[in-house]
Amino acid sequence: MDALANADAWIALVSLAAMEIVLGIDNILALSFLLLIGVLLTAEGLGQHVSKGYVYFAMGFSLFVELLNIRRTKVAQPIQLHSRFEQPPSGA
C-alpha cells in the first residue's frame, strides 16, 4: 500500500483528472499515463530505479502531441459532400 502514500502518484492522478476536465484529453492518453505511472511504481517496488526524467519526458512528449492533435482538429474544415445522401424508399 506504499503506492497510495506516494505523493507522485497522487499528483499524477490529480493532474490527469485536471487535463481530462479542462482540456478534454482523450481517455486513451490518460490511461496510458496511468499505466506508465503504475509500471514505474511497480518497478520501484521491486527495487529497480527509473529516472524521473525519462518518465517526465515521455509524458510531456505525449501531451505535446495530443495538444497538437487537438489544435489540428479544431482548425480543420468540415468535409463537404458532393451530393446529399437520400435514404432509399422502404419497400423497394
C-alpha atoms as a PDB file:
ATOM      1  CA  MET A   1       0.000   0.000   0.000  1.00  0.00           C
ATOM      2  CA  ASP A   2       3.006   2.268  -0.378  1.00  0.00           C
ATOM      3  CA  ALA A   3       1.632   3.384  -3.743  1.00  0.00           C
ATOM      4  CA  LEU A   4      -1.320   5.066  -2.026  1.00  0.00           C
ATOM      5  CA  ALA A   5       1.039   7.007   0.206  1.00  0.00           C
ATOM      6  CA  ASN A   6       3.263   8.059  -2.709  1.00  0.00           C
ATOM      7  CA  ALA A   7       2.855  11.780  -3.381  1.00  0.00           C
ATOM      8  CA  ASP A   8       3.971  11.406  -7.020  1.00  0.00           C
ATOM      9  CA  ALA A   9       1.109   9.024  -7.738  1.00  0.00           C
ATOM     10  CA  TRP A  10      -1.484  11.387  -6.257  1.00  0.00           C
ATOM     11  CA  ILE A  11      -0.036  14.385  -8.105  1.00  0.00           C
ATOM     12  CA  ALA A  12      -0.158  12.422 -11.362  1.00  0.00           C
ATOM     13  CA  LEU A  13      -3.737  11.333 -10.736  1.00  0.00           C
ATOM     14  CA  VAL A  14      -4.896  14.871  -9.948  1.00  0.00           C
ATOM     15  CA  SER A  15      -3.096  16.325 -12.971  1.00  0.00           C
ATOM     16  CA  LEU A  16      -4.624  13.677 -15.248  1.00  0.00           C
ATOM     17  CA  ALA A  17      -8.072  14.459 -13.908  1.00  0.00           C
ATOM     18  CA  ALA A  18      -7.485  18.185 -14.449  1.00  0.00           C
ATOM     19  CA  MET A  19      -6.296  17.607 -18.022  1.00  0.00           C
ATOM     20  CA  GLU A  20      -9.330  15.441 -18.728  1.00  0.00           C
ATOM     21  CA  ILE A  21     -11.752  18.039 -17.401  1.00  0.00           C
ATOM     22  CA  VAL A  22     -10.129  21.243 -18.658  1.00  0.00           C
ATOM     23  CA  LEU A  23      -8.519  20.198 -21.914  1.00  0.00           C
ATOM     24  CA  GLY A  24     -10.661  17.247 -22.906  1.00  0.00           C
ATOM     25  CA  ILE A  25      -7.636  14.987 -23.322  1.00  0.00           C
ATOM     26  CA  ASP A  26      -8.524  11.587 -24.731  1.00  0.00           C
ATOM     27  CA  ASN A  27      -9.132   8.759 -22.313  1.00  0.00           C
ATOM     28  CA  ILE A  28      -6.507   6.648 -24.076  1.00  0.00           C
ATOM     29  CA  LEU A  29      -3.842   9.209 -23.235  1.00  0.00           C
ATOM     30  CA  ALA A  30      -4.969   9.384 -19.619  1.00  0.00           C
ATOM     31  CA  LEU A  31      -4.991   5.590 -19.346  1.00  0.00           C
ATOM     32  CA  SER A  32      -1.522   5.379 -20.871  1.00  0.00           C
ATOM     33  CA  PHE A  33      -0.258   7.898 -18.303  1.00  0.00           C
ATOM     34  CA  LEU A  34      -1.771   5.824 -15.518  1.00  0.00           C
ATOM     35  CA  LEU A  35      -0.228   2.677 -16.961  1.00  0.00           C
ATOM     36  CA  LEU A  36       3.151   4.387 -17.195  1.00  0.00           C
ATOM     37  CA  ILE A  37       2.950   5.513 -13.583  1.00  0.00           C
ATOM     38  CA  GLY A  38       1.776   2.067 -12.479  1.00  0.00           C
ATOM     39  CA  VAL A  39       4.694   0.356 -14.201  1.00  0.00           C
ATOM     40  CA  LEU A  40       7.067   2.895 -12.689  1.00  0.00           C
ATOM     41  CA  LEU A  41       5.714   2.321  -9.179  1.00  0.00           C
ATOM     42  CA  THR A  42       5.852  -1.447  -9.652  1.00  0.00           C
ATOM     43  CA  ALA A  43       9.449  -1.274 -10.873  1.00  0.00           C
ATOM     44  CA  GLU A  44      10.431   0.903  -7.928  1.00  0.00           C
ATOM     45  CA  GLY A  45       8.661  -1.501  -5.576  1.00  0.00           C
ATOM     46  CA  LEU A  46      10.762  -4.336  -6.995  1.00  0.00           C
ATOM     47  CA  GLY A  47      13.959  -2.387  -6.370  1.00  0.00           C
ATOM     48  CA  GLN A  48      14.629  -1.037  -9.863  1.00  0.00           C
ATOM     49  CA  HIS A  49      15.379   2.665 -10.132  1.00  0.00           C
ATOM     50  CA  VAL A  50      13.881   4.504 -13.110  1.00  0.00           C
ATOM     51  CA  SER A  51      14.985   8.087 -13.607  1.00  0.00           C
ATOM     52  CA  LYS A  52      12.078  10.514 -13.315  1.00  0.00           C
ATOM     53  CA  GLY A  53      13.486  12.451 -16.272  1.00  0.00           C
ATOM     54  CA  TYR A  54      12.567   9.613 -18.642  1.00  0.00           C
ATOM     55  CA  VAL A  55       9.035   9.470 -17.301  1.00  0.00           C
ATOM     56  CA  TYR A  56       8.506  13.230 -17.413  1.00  0.00           C
ATOM     57  CA  PHE A  57       9.889  13.396 -20.955  1.00  0.00           C
ATOM     58  CA  ALA A  58       7.562  10.617 -22.132  1.00  0.00           C
ATOM     59  CA  MET A  59       4.550  12.275 -20.513  1.00  0.00           C
ATOM     60  CA  GLY A  60       5.490  15.718 -21.807  1.00  0.00           C
ATOM     61  CA  PHE A  61       6.053  14.477 -25.344  1.00  0.00           C
ATOM     62  CA  SER A  62       2.744  12.606 -25.480  1.00  0.00           C
ATOM     63  CA  LEU A  63       0.919  15.618 -24.034  1.00  0.00           C
ATOM     64  CA  PHE A  64       2.575  17.864 -26.638  1.00  0.00           C
ATOM     65  CA  VAL A  65       1.497  15.548 -29.468  1.00  0.00           C
ATOM     66  CA  GLU A  66      -2.047  15.378 -28.086  1.00  0.00           C
ATOM     67  CA  LEU A  67      -2.269  19.177 -27.832  1.00  0.00           C
ATOM     68  CA  LEU A  68      -1.091  19.460 -31.442  1.00  0.00           C
ATOM     69  CA  ASN A  69      -3.770  16.951 -32.424  1.00  0.00           C
ATOM     70  CA  ILE A  70      -6.466  18.920 -30.573  1.00  0.00           C
ATOM     71  CA  ARG A  71      -5.352  22.139 -32.246  1.00  0.00           C
ATOM     72  CA  ARG A  72      -5.321  20.498 -35.686  1.00  0.00           C
ATOM     73  CA  THR A  73      -8.828  19.094 -35.310  1.00  0.00           C
ATOM     74  CA  LYS A  74     -10.229  22.469 -34.187  1.00  0.00           C
ATOM     75  CA  VAL A  75      -8.729  24.214 -37.225  1.00  0.00           C
ATOM     76  CA  ALA A  76      -9.719  21.536 -39.752  1.00  0.00           C
ATOM     77  CA  GLN A  77     -12.576  22.372 -42.098  1.00  0.00           C
ATOM     78  CA  PRO A  78     -15.565  20.049 -42.136  1.00  0.00           C
ATOM     79  CA  ILE A  79     -15.791  17.625 -45.017  1.00  0.00           C
ATOM     80  CA  GLN A  80     -18.088  18.762 -47.831  1.00  0.00           C
ATOM     81  CA  LEU A  81     -20.125  16.028 -49.519  1.00  0.00           C
ATOM     82  CA  HIS A  82     -20.621  16.120 -53.284  1.00  0.00           C
ATOM     83  CA  SER A  83     -24.316  15.403 -53.087  1.00  0.00           C
ATOM     84  CA  ARG A  84     -26.884  14.978 -50.386  1.00  0.00           C
ATOM     85  CA  PHE A  85     -27.456  11.410 -49.223  1.00  0.00           C
ATOM     86  CA  GLU A  86     -31.030  10.259 -49.778  1.00  0.00           C
ATOM     87  CA  GLN A  87     -32.457   7.264 -47.957  1.00  0.00           C
ATOM     88  CA  PRO A  88     -33.892   4.750 -50.457  1.00  0.00           C
ATOM     89  CA  PRO A  89     -37.655   4.339 -50.160  1.00  0.00           C
ATOM     90  CA  SER A  90     -38.682   1.389 -48.000  1.00  0.00           C
ATOM     91  CA  GLY A  91     -40.500  -1.466 -49.695  1.00  0.00           C
ATOM     92  CA  ALA A  92     -38.418  -1.317 -52.884  1.00  0.00           C
END
